Amino acid sequence: MYQDKYVFAQLVSFLNRSKFNRIVAKYKGDKYVKHFTCWNQLLSLMFGQLTNRESLRDLIVALDAHHSKSYH
């Protein structure tokens, strides 16, 4: 069995999360957020681009199908 990370996890590792969090804090992007943060939105949109989703509904269906593979 293959023991390495998924391709998506490898791509996310290139992102600088602390710099992203500083920018979100600077512009108060998560000010009234209760659950779906800017980071989660970025990861969802990246997943949609990488899997060539055509609509938001299509993306939601795909994310629900892979819900067991998410970390959060």
Protein backbone atom coordinates (compact mmCIF):
# COMPACT_ATOMS: atom_id res chain seq x y z
CA MET A 1 0.00 0.00 0.00
CA TYR A 2 1.20 3.51 -0.84
CA GLN A 3 2.23 5.40 2.31
CA ASP A 4 2.85 8.94 1.05
CA LYS A 5 0.55 11.99 1.17
CA TYR A 6 -2.28 12.63 -1.26
CA VAL A 7 -1.50 14.98 -4.16
CA PHE A 8 -3.77 17.65 -2.68
CA ALA A 9 -1.92 17.50 0.66
CA GLN A 10 1.39 17.86 -1.16
CA LEU A 11 0.14 20.99 -2.96
CA VAL A 12 -1.22 22.50 0.26
CA SER A 13 2.16 22.02 1.90
CA PHE A 14 3.56 24.67 -0.48
CA LEU A 15 1.24 27.31 1.01
CA ASN A 16 2.54 29.46 3.83
CA ARG A 17 -0.28 29.23 6.36
CA SER A 18 1.14 31.78 8.81
CA LYS A 19 1.41 34.40 6.07
CA PHE A 20 -2.13 33.59 4.95
CA ASN A 21 -3.39 33.97 8.54
CA ARG A 22 -1.62 37.33 8.87
CA ILE A 23 -3.34 38.61 5.73
CA VAL A 24 -6.73 37.34 6.94
CA ALA A 25 -6.19 39.02 10.31
CA LYS A 26 -5.09 42.26 8.66
CA TYR A 27 -8.29 42.51 6.61
CA LYS A 28 -10.51 40.86 9.28
CA GLY A 29 -11.61 38.09 6.91
CA ASP A 30 -12.78 35.78 9.70
CA LYS A 31 -14.46 38.48 11.80
CA TYR A 32 -18.00 37.08 11.86
CA VAL A 33 -17.16 33.50 10.90
CA LYS A 34 -18.42 30.68 13.10
CA HIS A 35 -17.46 27.57 11.18
CA PHE A 36 -16.25 27.99 7.57
CA THR A 37 -13.03 30.01 7.81
CA CYS A 38 -11.06 31.65 5.01
CA TRP A 39 -8.55 28.80 5.12
CA ASN A 40 -11.31 26.21 4.69
CA GLN A 41 -12.76 28.22 1.82
CA LEU A 42 -9.37 28.43 0.11
CA LEU A 43 -8.86 24.67 0.42
CA SER A 44 -12.36 23.96 -0.88
CA LEU A 45 -11.87 26.21 -3.90
CA MET A 46 -8.48 24.68 -4.61
CA PHE A 47 -10.04 21.22 -4.49
CA GLY A 48 -12.74 22.39 -6.90
CA GLN A 49 -10.16 23.72 -9.35
CA LEU A 50 -7.99 20.62 -9.19
CA THR A 51 -10.91 18.26 -9.72
CA ASN A 52 -12.36 20.42 -12.53
CA ARG A 53 -15.74 21.06 -10.89
CA GLU A 54 -18.15 23.08 -12.99
CA SER A 55 -20.43 24.50 -10.31
CA LEU A 56 -20.64 25.13 -6.60
CA ARG A 57 -23.26 22.40 -6.24
CA ASP A 58 -20.94 19.94 -7.98
CA LEU A 59 -18.15 20.94 -5.58
CA ILE A 60 -20.39 20.43 -2.53
CA VAL A 61 -21.41 16.97 -3.74
CA ALA A 62 -17.75 16.04 -4.26
CA LEU A 63 -16.72 17.35 -0.82
CA ASP A 64 -19.54 15.44 0.85
CA ALA A 65 -18.48 12.27 -0.94
CA HIS A 66 -14.92 12.63 0.41
CA HIS A 67 -15.94 13.79 3.88
CA SER A 68 -14.28 10.85 5.60
CA LYS A 69 -10.90 11.82 4.12
CA SER A 70 -10.92 15.35 5.53
CA TYR A 71 -8.97 16.14 8.67
CA HIS A 72 -11.43 18.53 10.30
